[in-house]
N, C-alpha and C. Protein backbone atom coordinates (compact mmCIF):
# COMPACT_ATOMS: atom_id res chain seq x y z
N UNK A 1 -168.86 20.00 -61.34
CA UNK A 1 -168.96 19.78 -59.94
C UNK A 1 -169.74 20.94 -59.31
N UNK A 2 -170.75 20.61 -58.57
CA UNK A 2 -171.55 21.64 -57.89
C UNK A 2 -170.82 22.13 -56.66
N UNK A 3 -170.94 23.43 -56.42
CA UNK A 3 -170.35 24.06 -55.26
C UNK A 3 -171.44 24.88 -54.59
N UNK A 4 -171.62 24.70 -53.29
CA UNK A 4 -172.61 25.47 -52.55
C UNK A 4 -172.05 25.75 -51.16
N UNK A 5 -171.87 27.02 -50.86
CA UNK A 5 -171.30 27.44 -49.58
C UNK A 5 -172.19 28.52 -48.98
N UNK A 6 -172.35 28.47 -47.66
CA UNK A 6 -173.17 29.45 -46.96
C UNK A 6 -172.42 29.92 -45.71
N UNK A 7 -172.45 31.23 -45.49
CA UNK A 7 -171.77 31.85 -44.36
C UNK A 7 -172.71 32.89 -43.75
N UNK A 8 -172.51 33.21 -42.48
CA UNK A 8 -173.31 34.23 -41.83
C UNK A 8 -172.40 35.34 -41.31
N UNK A 9 -172.71 36.56 -41.73
CA UNK A 9 -172.01 37.74 -41.23
C UNK A 9 -172.83 38.33 -40.08
N UNK A 10 -172.18 38.83 -39.03
CA UNK A 10 -172.90 39.43 -37.91
C UNK A 10 -173.17 40.92 -38.14
N UNK A 11 -173.84 41.22 -39.24
CA UNK A 11 -174.11 42.61 -39.59
C UNK A 11 -175.28 42.66 -40.57
N UNK A 12 -175.87 43.85 -40.71
CA UNK A 12 -176.98 44.05 -41.64
C UNK A 12 -176.50 43.93 -43.08
N UNK A 13 -177.43 43.61 -43.97
CA UNK A 13 -177.11 43.42 -45.39
C UNK A 13 -176.37 44.63 -45.96
N UNK A 14 -176.85 45.84 -45.65
CA UNK A 14 -176.24 47.05 -46.21
C UNK A 14 -174.76 47.16 -45.83
N UNK A 15 -174.44 46.77 -44.58
CA UNK A 15 -173.06 46.83 -44.12
C UNK A 15 -172.19 45.80 -44.84
N UNK A 16 -172.73 44.60 -45.01
CA UNK A 16 -172.00 43.54 -45.69
C UNK A 16 -171.78 43.90 -47.15
N UNK A 17 -172.83 44.41 -47.80
CA UNK A 17 -172.70 44.80 -49.21
C UNK A 17 -171.67 45.91 -49.37
N UNK A 18 -171.70 46.91 -48.47
CA UNK A 18 -170.73 48.00 -48.54
C UNK A 18 -169.30 47.45 -48.43
N UNK A 19 -169.12 46.44 -47.61
CA UNK A 19 -167.81 45.81 -47.47
C UNK A 19 -167.40 45.09 -48.75
N UNK A 20 -168.33 44.33 -49.32
CA UNK A 20 -168.05 43.53 -50.51
C UNK A 20 -167.65 44.40 -51.71
N UNK A 21 -168.21 45.60 -51.79
CA UNK A 21 -167.90 46.48 -52.92
C UNK A 21 -166.85 47.53 -52.57
N UNK A 22 -166.19 47.37 -51.45
CA UNK A 22 -165.12 48.29 -51.03
C UNK A 22 -163.79 47.79 -51.61
N UNK A 23 -163.19 48.55 -52.54
CA UNK A 23 -161.94 48.09 -53.16
C UNK A 23 -160.83 47.79 -52.14
N UNK A 24 -160.72 48.59 -51.09
CA UNK A 24 -159.64 48.34 -50.13
C UNK A 24 -159.86 47.03 -49.38
N UNK A 25 -161.13 46.68 -49.10
CA UNK A 25 -161.40 45.39 -48.47
C UNK A 25 -161.03 44.25 -49.41
N UNK A 26 -161.41 44.37 -50.68
CA UNK A 26 -161.12 43.29 -51.63
C UNK A 26 -159.61 43.16 -51.83
N UNK A 27 -158.87 44.28 -51.81
CA UNK A 27 -157.41 44.22 -51.91
C UNK A 27 -156.82 43.51 -50.70
N UNK A 28 -157.34 43.81 -49.51
CA UNK A 28 -156.83 43.13 -48.31
C UNK A 28 -157.15 41.64 -48.37
N UNK A 29 -158.26 41.27 -49.00
CA UNK A 29 -158.58 39.86 -49.21
C UNK A 29 -157.57 39.18 -50.11
N UNK A 30 -157.16 39.86 -51.17
CA UNK A 30 -156.13 39.31 -52.07
C UNK A 30 -154.83 39.08 -51.30
N UNK A 31 -154.46 40.04 -50.47
CA UNK A 31 -153.24 39.91 -49.68
C UNK A 31 -153.35 38.75 -48.70
N UNK A 32 -154.49 38.62 -48.01
CA UNK A 32 -154.69 37.55 -47.04
C UNK A 32 -154.69 36.17 -47.70
N UNK A 33 -155.09 36.11 -48.97
CA UNK A 33 -155.11 34.84 -49.69
C UNK A 33 -153.75 34.48 -50.27
N UNK A 34 -152.77 35.37 -50.13
CA UNK A 34 -151.42 35.09 -50.61
C UNK A 34 -151.18 35.46 -52.06
N UNK A 35 -152.02 36.33 -52.63
CA UNK A 35 -151.82 36.76 -54.01
C UNK A 35 -150.47 37.43 -54.16
N UNK A 36 -149.75 37.09 -55.22
CA UNK A 36 -148.45 37.71 -55.46
C UNK A 36 -148.60 38.98 -56.29
N UNK A 37 -149.73 39.14 -56.96
CA UNK A 37 -150.02 40.32 -57.76
C UNK A 37 -151.54 40.38 -57.88
N UNK A 38 -152.11 41.59 -57.83
CA UNK A 38 -153.56 41.69 -57.95
C UNK A 38 -153.98 43.08 -58.44
N UNK A 39 -155.19 43.12 -58.99
CA UNK A 39 -155.81 44.36 -59.43
C UNK A 39 -157.30 44.25 -59.11
N UNK A 40 -157.84 45.22 -58.38
CA UNK A 40 -159.24 45.22 -58.00
C UNK A 40 -159.91 46.42 -58.65
N UNK A 41 -161.04 46.19 -59.31
CA UNK A 41 -161.79 47.26 -59.96
C UNK A 41 -163.26 47.13 -59.56
N UNK A 42 -163.84 48.19 -59.01
CA UNK A 42 -165.25 48.21 -58.62
C UNK A 42 -165.92 49.37 -59.33
N UNK A 43 -167.00 49.06 -60.07
CA UNK A 43 -167.71 50.08 -60.84
C UNK A 43 -169.19 50.05 -60.45
N UNK A 44 -169.73 51.23 -60.07
CA UNK A 44 -171.16 51.34 -59.79
C UNK A 44 -171.92 51.10 -61.09
N UNK A 45 -173.03 50.35 -60.99
CA UNK A 45 -173.71 49.92 -62.20
C UNK A 45 -175.21 49.75 -61.93
N UNK A 46 -176.00 50.77 -62.23
CA UNK A 46 -177.46 50.67 -62.17
C UNK A 46 -178.02 50.20 -60.84
N UNK A 47 -177.59 50.75 -59.75
CA UNK A 47 -178.09 50.35 -58.43
C UNK A 47 -177.29 49.22 -57.82
N UNK A 48 -176.36 48.68 -58.57
CA UNK A 48 -175.48 47.63 -58.08
C UNK A 48 -174.04 47.99 -58.37
N UNK A 49 -173.19 47.00 -58.37
CA UNK A 49 -171.77 47.19 -58.66
C UNK A 49 -171.23 45.97 -59.40
N UNK A 50 -170.23 46.20 -60.23
CA UNK A 50 -169.48 45.11 -60.83
C UNK A 50 -168.09 45.13 -60.21
N UNK A 51 -167.74 44.01 -59.58
CA UNK A 51 -166.45 43.85 -58.93
C UNK A 51 -165.62 42.90 -59.80
N UNK A 52 -164.44 43.36 -60.22
CA UNK A 52 -163.54 42.51 -60.99
C UNK A 52 -162.21 42.44 -60.25
N UNK A 53 -161.79 41.23 -59.97
CA UNK A 53 -160.53 41.01 -59.26
C UNK A 53 -159.65 40.11 -60.13
N UNK A 54 -158.48 40.62 -60.48
CA UNK A 54 -157.49 39.84 -61.22
C UNK A 54 -156.34 39.60 -60.26
N UNK A 55 -155.97 38.34 -60.07
CA UNK A 55 -154.88 38.05 -59.13
C UNK A 55 -154.05 36.87 -59.59
N UNK A 56 -152.79 36.89 -59.17
CA UNK A 56 -151.89 35.78 -59.42
C UNK A 56 -151.69 35.06 -58.09
N UNK A 57 -151.93 33.75 -58.12
CA UNK A 57 -151.84 32.94 -56.92
C UNK A 57 -150.75 31.88 -57.09
N UNK A 58 -149.97 31.63 -56.03
CA UNK A 58 -149.00 30.55 -56.12
C UNK A 58 -149.74 29.21 -56.20
N UNK A 59 -149.18 28.27 -56.93
CA UNK A 59 -149.80 26.95 -57.10
C UNK A 59 -149.27 25.96 -56.07
N UNK A 60 -148.74 26.45 -54.96
CA UNK A 60 -148.10 25.60 -53.95
C UNK A 60 -149.01 24.49 -53.43
N UNK A 61 -150.30 24.79 -53.23
CA UNK A 61 -151.22 23.81 -52.66
C UNK A 61 -151.82 22.86 -53.70
N UNK A 62 -151.45 23.04 -54.94
CA UNK A 62 -151.99 22.20 -56.01
C UNK A 62 -151.24 20.88 -56.10
N UNK A 63 -151.93 19.80 -56.43
CA UNK A 63 -151.24 18.52 -56.65
C UNK A 63 -150.26 18.64 -57.83
N UNK A 64 -149.27 17.79 -57.84
CA UNK A 64 -148.23 17.86 -58.88
C UNK A 64 -148.81 17.74 -60.29
N UNK A 65 -149.81 16.88 -60.49
CA UNK A 65 -150.35 16.72 -61.84
C UNK A 65 -151.04 18.00 -62.32
N UNK A 66 -151.53 18.83 -61.38
CA UNK A 66 -152.13 20.11 -61.75
C UNK A 66 -151.04 21.14 -62.05
N UNK A 67 -149.98 21.13 -61.24
CA UNK A 67 -148.87 22.07 -61.45
C UNK A 67 -148.22 21.87 -62.81
N UNK A 68 -148.25 20.64 -63.31
CA UNK A 68 -147.69 20.38 -64.65
C UNK A 68 -148.46 21.16 -65.72
N UNK A 69 -149.74 21.41 -65.45
CA UNK A 69 -150.56 22.17 -66.40
C UNK A 69 -150.45 23.67 -66.18
N UNK A 70 -150.33 24.09 -64.91
CA UNK A 70 -150.40 25.52 -64.59
C UNK A 70 -149.05 26.18 -64.40
N UNK A 71 -148.05 25.42 -64.02
CA UNK A 71 -146.78 26.01 -63.64
C UNK A 71 -146.82 26.36 -62.16
N UNK A 72 -145.94 27.26 -61.72
CA UNK A 72 -145.83 27.60 -60.30
C UNK A 72 -146.87 28.59 -59.81
N UNK A 73 -147.66 29.16 -60.73
CA UNK A 73 -148.69 30.11 -60.32
C UNK A 73 -149.88 30.02 -61.27
N UNK A 74 -151.00 30.52 -60.80
CA UNK A 74 -152.20 30.61 -61.64
C UNK A 74 -152.72 32.04 -61.61
N UNK A 75 -153.20 32.48 -62.75
CA UNK A 75 -153.82 33.80 -62.85
C UNK A 75 -155.34 33.59 -62.85
N UNK A 76 -155.99 34.28 -61.92
CA UNK A 76 -157.43 34.10 -61.72
C UNK A 76 -158.13 35.44 -61.95
N UNK A 77 -159.26 35.39 -62.66
CA UNK A 77 -160.11 36.58 -62.82
C UNK A 77 -161.47 36.22 -62.24
N UNK A 78 -161.89 37.03 -61.27
CA UNK A 78 -163.17 36.85 -60.60
C UNK A 78 -164.04 38.06 -60.91
N UNK A 79 -165.25 37.81 -61.40
CA UNK A 79 -166.18 38.90 -61.72
C UNK A 79 -167.49 38.67 -60.97
N UNK A 80 -167.95 39.69 -60.29
CA UNK A 80 -169.23 39.65 -59.57
C UNK A 80 -170.07 40.81 -60.07
N UNK A 81 -171.21 40.52 -60.67
CA UNK A 81 -172.13 41.56 -61.15
C UNK A 81 -173.31 41.63 -60.18
N UNK A 82 -173.20 42.54 -59.20
CA UNK A 82 -174.22 42.70 -58.17
C UNK A 82 -175.35 43.60 -58.67
N UNK A 83 -176.58 43.15 -58.49
CA UNK A 83 -177.74 43.92 -58.90
C UNK A 83 -178.22 44.81 -57.77
N UNK A 84 -179.26 45.61 -58.04
CA UNK A 84 -179.83 46.49 -57.00
C UNK A 84 -180.50 45.66 -55.91
N UNK A 85 -180.71 46.29 -54.77
CA UNK A 85 -181.38 45.62 -53.65
C UNK A 85 -182.82 45.29 -54.02
N UNK A 86 -183.30 44.13 -53.54
CA UNK A 86 -184.71 43.79 -53.74
C UNK A 86 -185.55 44.46 -52.66
N UNK A 87 -186.83 44.19 -52.64
CA UNK A 87 -187.74 44.87 -51.70
C UNK A 87 -187.40 44.59 -50.24
N UNK A 88 -186.74 43.48 -49.96
CA UNK A 88 -186.35 43.14 -48.59
C UNK A 88 -184.92 43.58 -48.28
N UNK A 89 -184.25 44.21 -49.26
CA UNK A 89 -182.88 44.67 -49.06
C UNK A 89 -181.82 43.67 -49.48
N UNK A 90 -182.25 42.46 -49.90
CA UNK A 90 -181.31 41.43 -50.33
C UNK A 90 -180.65 41.80 -51.65
N UNK A 91 -179.53 41.18 -51.90
CA UNK A 91 -178.77 41.42 -53.13
C UNK A 91 -178.39 40.08 -53.74
N UNK A 92 -178.20 40.09 -55.07
CA UNK A 92 -177.68 38.89 -55.73
C UNK A 92 -176.72 39.31 -56.84
N UNK A 93 -175.83 38.38 -57.16
CA UNK A 93 -174.82 38.66 -58.18
C UNK A 93 -174.61 37.42 -59.04
N UNK A 94 -174.32 37.66 -60.31
CA UNK A 94 -173.79 36.61 -61.16
C UNK A 94 -172.29 36.60 -60.93
N UNK A 95 -171.74 35.42 -60.69
CA UNK A 95 -170.33 35.27 -60.36
C UNK A 95 -169.65 34.37 -61.37
N UNK A 96 -168.44 34.77 -61.76
CA UNK A 96 -167.64 33.93 -62.66
C UNK A 96 -166.19 33.99 -62.17
N UNK A 97 -165.58 32.83 -62.02
CA UNK A 97 -164.17 32.72 -61.65
C UNK A 97 -163.50 31.92 -62.76
N UNK A 98 -162.49 32.52 -63.39
CA UNK A 98 -161.78 31.87 -64.48
C UNK A 98 -160.30 31.75 -64.15
N UNK A 99 -159.71 30.63 -64.54
CA UNK A 99 -158.26 30.48 -64.46
C UNK A 99 -157.74 30.75 -65.86
N UNK A 100 -157.04 31.87 -66.01
CA UNK A 100 -156.57 32.29 -67.33
C UNK A 100 -155.59 31.28 -67.91
N UNK A 101 -155.74 31.01 -69.19
CA UNK A 101 -154.85 30.10 -69.88
C UNK A 101 -155.18 28.64 -69.65
N UNK A 102 -156.23 28.36 -68.87
CA UNK A 102 -156.64 26.99 -68.59
C UNK A 102 -158.14 26.87 -68.84
N UNK A 103 -158.60 25.72 -69.23
CA UNK A 103 -160.05 25.55 -69.44
C UNK A 103 -160.76 25.23 -68.13
N UNK A 104 -160.61 26.12 -67.14
CA UNK A 104 -161.20 25.91 -65.82
C UNK A 104 -161.94 27.17 -65.39
N UNK A 105 -163.16 26.98 -64.88
CA UNK A 105 -163.94 28.12 -64.43
C UNK A 105 -165.05 27.67 -63.48
N UNK A 106 -165.60 28.64 -62.77
CA UNK A 106 -166.81 28.44 -62.00
C UNK A 106 -167.78 29.54 -62.39
N UNK A 107 -169.01 29.15 -62.68
CA UNK A 107 -170.08 30.12 -62.93
C UNK A 107 -171.16 29.85 -61.91
N UNK A 108 -171.71 30.94 -61.38
CA UNK A 108 -172.76 30.76 -60.39
C UNK A 108 -173.35 32.06 -59.93
N UNK A 109 -173.89 32.02 -58.71
CA UNK A 109 -174.53 33.18 -58.12
C UNK A 109 -174.06 33.36 -56.68
N UNK A 110 -174.16 34.59 -56.21
CA UNK A 110 -173.94 34.90 -54.80
C UNK A 110 -175.15 35.70 -54.35
N UNK A 111 -175.58 35.45 -53.12
CA UNK A 111 -176.72 36.19 -52.58
C UNK A 111 -176.43 36.66 -51.17
N UNK A 112 -177.02 37.79 -50.83
CA UNK A 112 -177.00 38.34 -49.47
C UNK A 112 -178.45 38.47 -49.04
N UNK A 113 -178.82 37.78 -47.97
CA UNK A 113 -180.17 37.86 -47.43
C UNK A 113 -180.10 37.87 -45.92
N UNK A 114 -181.12 38.42 -45.30
CA UNK A 114 -181.15 38.40 -43.84
C UNK A 114 -182.05 39.47 -43.30
N UNK A 115 -181.95 39.61 -41.99
CA UNK A 115 -182.71 40.66 -41.32
C UNK A 115 -181.96 41.06 -40.07
N UNK A 116 -182.13 42.32 -39.69
CA UNK A 116 -181.48 42.80 -38.49
C UNK A 116 -179.97 42.75 -38.60
N UNK A 117 -179.36 42.14 -37.59
CA UNK A 117 -177.91 42.12 -37.49
C UNK A 117 -177.26 40.83 -37.98
N UNK A 118 -177.92 40.11 -38.88
CA UNK A 118 -177.34 38.89 -39.43
C UNK A 118 -177.63 38.82 -40.93
N UNK A 119 -176.60 38.53 -41.69
CA UNK A 119 -176.74 38.41 -43.14
C UNK A 119 -176.17 37.08 -43.59
N UNK A 120 -176.96 36.35 -44.35
CA UNK A 120 -176.49 35.09 -44.92
C UNK A 120 -175.90 35.37 -46.30
N UNK A 121 -174.69 34.88 -46.50
CA UNK A 121 -173.98 35.02 -47.77
C UNK A 121 -173.87 33.62 -48.35
N UNK A 122 -174.49 33.42 -49.52
CA UNK A 122 -174.53 32.10 -50.14
C UNK A 122 -173.91 32.18 -51.53
N UNK A 123 -173.03 31.23 -51.83
CA UNK A 123 -172.45 31.12 -53.16
C UNK A 123 -172.81 29.73 -53.70
N UNK A 124 -173.46 29.70 -54.84
CA UNK A 124 -173.80 28.46 -55.54
C UNK A 124 -173.19 28.53 -56.92
N UNK A 125 -172.51 27.48 -57.32
CA UNK A 125 -171.90 27.51 -58.65
C UNK A 125 -171.60 26.13 -59.19
N UNK A 126 -171.12 26.13 -60.38
CA UNK A 126 -170.73 24.91 -61.07
C UNK A 126 -169.28 25.07 -61.51
N UNK A 127 -168.41 24.22 -60.97
CA UNK A 127 -166.99 24.23 -61.33
C UNK A 127 -166.82 23.28 -62.51
N UNK A 128 -166.16 23.78 -63.55
CA UNK A 128 -165.98 22.97 -64.76
C UNK A 128 -164.54 23.08 -65.24
N UNK A 129 -163.91 21.94 -65.45
CA UNK A 129 -162.58 21.88 -66.04
C UNK A 129 -162.70 21.02 -67.29
N UNK A 130 -162.55 21.65 -68.44
CA UNK A 130 -162.76 20.97 -69.72
C UNK A 130 -161.47 20.40 -70.28
N UNK A 131 -160.95 19.39 -69.59
CA UNK A 131 -159.77 18.67 -70.06
C UNK A 131 -160.15 17.19 -70.10
N UNK A 132 -160.11 16.57 -71.28
CA UNK A 132 -160.49 15.16 -71.37
C UNK A 132 -159.69 14.28 -70.40
N UNK A 133 -160.37 13.33 -69.82
CA UNK A 133 -159.83 12.32 -68.92
C UNK A 133 -159.47 12.82 -67.52
N UNK A 134 -158.92 14.01 -67.37
CA UNK A 134 -158.49 14.47 -66.05
C UNK A 134 -159.32 15.63 -65.50
N UNK A 135 -160.18 16.21 -66.31
CA UNK A 135 -160.95 17.36 -65.87
C UNK A 135 -161.74 17.11 -64.60
N UNK A 136 -162.40 15.97 -64.50
CA UNK A 136 -163.20 15.63 -63.32
C UNK A 136 -162.32 15.47 -62.08
N UNK A 137 -161.06 15.09 -62.26
CA UNK A 137 -160.14 14.95 -61.13
C UNK A 137 -159.65 16.32 -60.64
N UNK A 138 -159.61 17.29 -61.55
CA UNK A 138 -159.10 18.63 -61.22
C UNK A 138 -160.21 19.50 -60.63
N UNK A 139 -161.46 19.26 -60.99
CA UNK A 139 -162.57 20.10 -60.51
C UNK A 139 -162.61 20.21 -58.99
N UNK A 140 -162.44 19.12 -58.22
CA UNK A 140 -162.44 19.28 -56.76
C UNK A 140 -161.28 20.15 -56.25
N UNK A 141 -160.15 20.13 -56.93
CA UNK A 141 -159.00 20.96 -56.54
C UNK A 141 -159.35 22.43 -56.75
N UNK A 142 -159.96 22.75 -57.89
CA UNK A 142 -160.38 24.12 -58.17
C UNK A 142 -161.46 24.55 -57.17
N UNK A 143 -162.42 23.67 -56.92
CA UNK A 143 -163.48 23.96 -55.95
C UNK A 143 -162.92 24.23 -54.57
N UNK A 144 -161.95 23.43 -54.14
CA UNK A 144 -161.33 23.60 -52.82
C UNK A 144 -160.63 24.97 -52.74
N UNK A 145 -159.96 25.39 -53.80
CA UNK A 145 -159.29 26.69 -53.82
C UNK A 145 -160.31 27.83 -53.73
N UNK A 146 -161.44 27.68 -54.41
CA UNK A 146 -162.49 28.71 -54.36
C UNK A 146 -163.06 28.81 -52.95
N UNK A 147 -163.33 27.66 -52.32
CA UNK A 147 -163.87 27.65 -50.96
C UNK A 147 -162.87 28.27 -49.98
N UNK A 148 -161.60 27.95 -50.14
CA UNK A 148 -160.57 28.52 -49.27
C UNK A 148 -160.54 30.05 -49.40
N UNK A 149 -160.65 30.56 -50.62
CA UNK A 149 -160.68 32.01 -50.84
C UNK A 149 -161.92 32.63 -50.20
N UNK A 150 -163.08 31.97 -50.35
CA UNK A 150 -164.31 32.47 -49.73
C UNK A 150 -164.17 32.54 -48.22
N UNK A 151 -163.65 31.46 -47.63
CA UNK A 151 -163.49 31.41 -46.18
C UNK A 151 -162.56 32.51 -45.67
N UNK A 152 -161.48 32.75 -46.40
CA UNK A 152 -160.55 33.81 -46.02
C UNK A 152 -161.25 35.16 -46.07
N UNK A 153 -162.01 35.43 -47.14
CA UNK A 153 -162.72 36.70 -47.26
C UNK A 153 -163.76 36.87 -46.15
N UNK A 154 -164.49 35.80 -45.82
CA UNK A 154 -165.51 35.88 -44.79
C UNK A 154 -164.87 36.12 -43.42
N UNK A 155 -163.77 35.44 -43.12
CA UNK A 155 -163.07 35.67 -41.85
C UNK A 155 -162.60 37.12 -41.75
N UNK A 156 -162.01 37.58 -42.82
CA UNK A 156 -161.52 38.96 -42.86
C UNK A 156 -162.67 39.95 -42.73
N UNK A 157 -163.76 39.70 -43.46
CA UNK A 157 -164.93 40.57 -43.41
C UNK A 157 -165.59 40.58 -42.04
N UNK A 158 -165.70 39.42 -41.42
CA UNK A 158 -166.31 39.33 -40.09
C UNK A 158 -165.48 40.12 -39.08
N UNK A 159 -164.17 40.00 -39.17
CA UNK A 159 -163.29 40.76 -38.28
C UNK A 159 -163.42 42.26 -38.51
N UNK A 160 -163.59 42.66 -39.75
CA UNK A 160 -163.67 44.10 -40.08
C UNK A 160 -165.01 44.69 -39.66
N UNK A 161 -166.08 43.88 -39.75
CA UNK A 161 -167.40 44.38 -39.37
C UNK A 161 -167.51 44.50 -37.87
């Protein structure tokens, strides 16, 4: 299932990027998303950063047929490998979101582009659940959870900027 989301931050790219790679901001995002346990790790890497977020999320919003597979919670690992700024100051990252212990993941990219006091944040990815017969039914549920997490982070980030 293809996923494509676009948001606009009311700030310059450098400010948005600084926020995205700020461990305390990412921790507050985990809290705002209702994570029951989380670990955020940010490592500077060749002009960019690698952000790794491990969190446990309650499965309350999941349909019953999904909860039978996951139990009452899901463990999620999100990795963003942000590269150095391009000539216009834009940034891009390879993004991977995995549900541990389940054959479910999203692989894609995130980009920051813009000028002046506005930055467009775009996430494009492919959600895949490799379970015969029901995988295609679960992919929209996983996609919806990813979009909800993105929206929470963007709301929190916009308020902080």
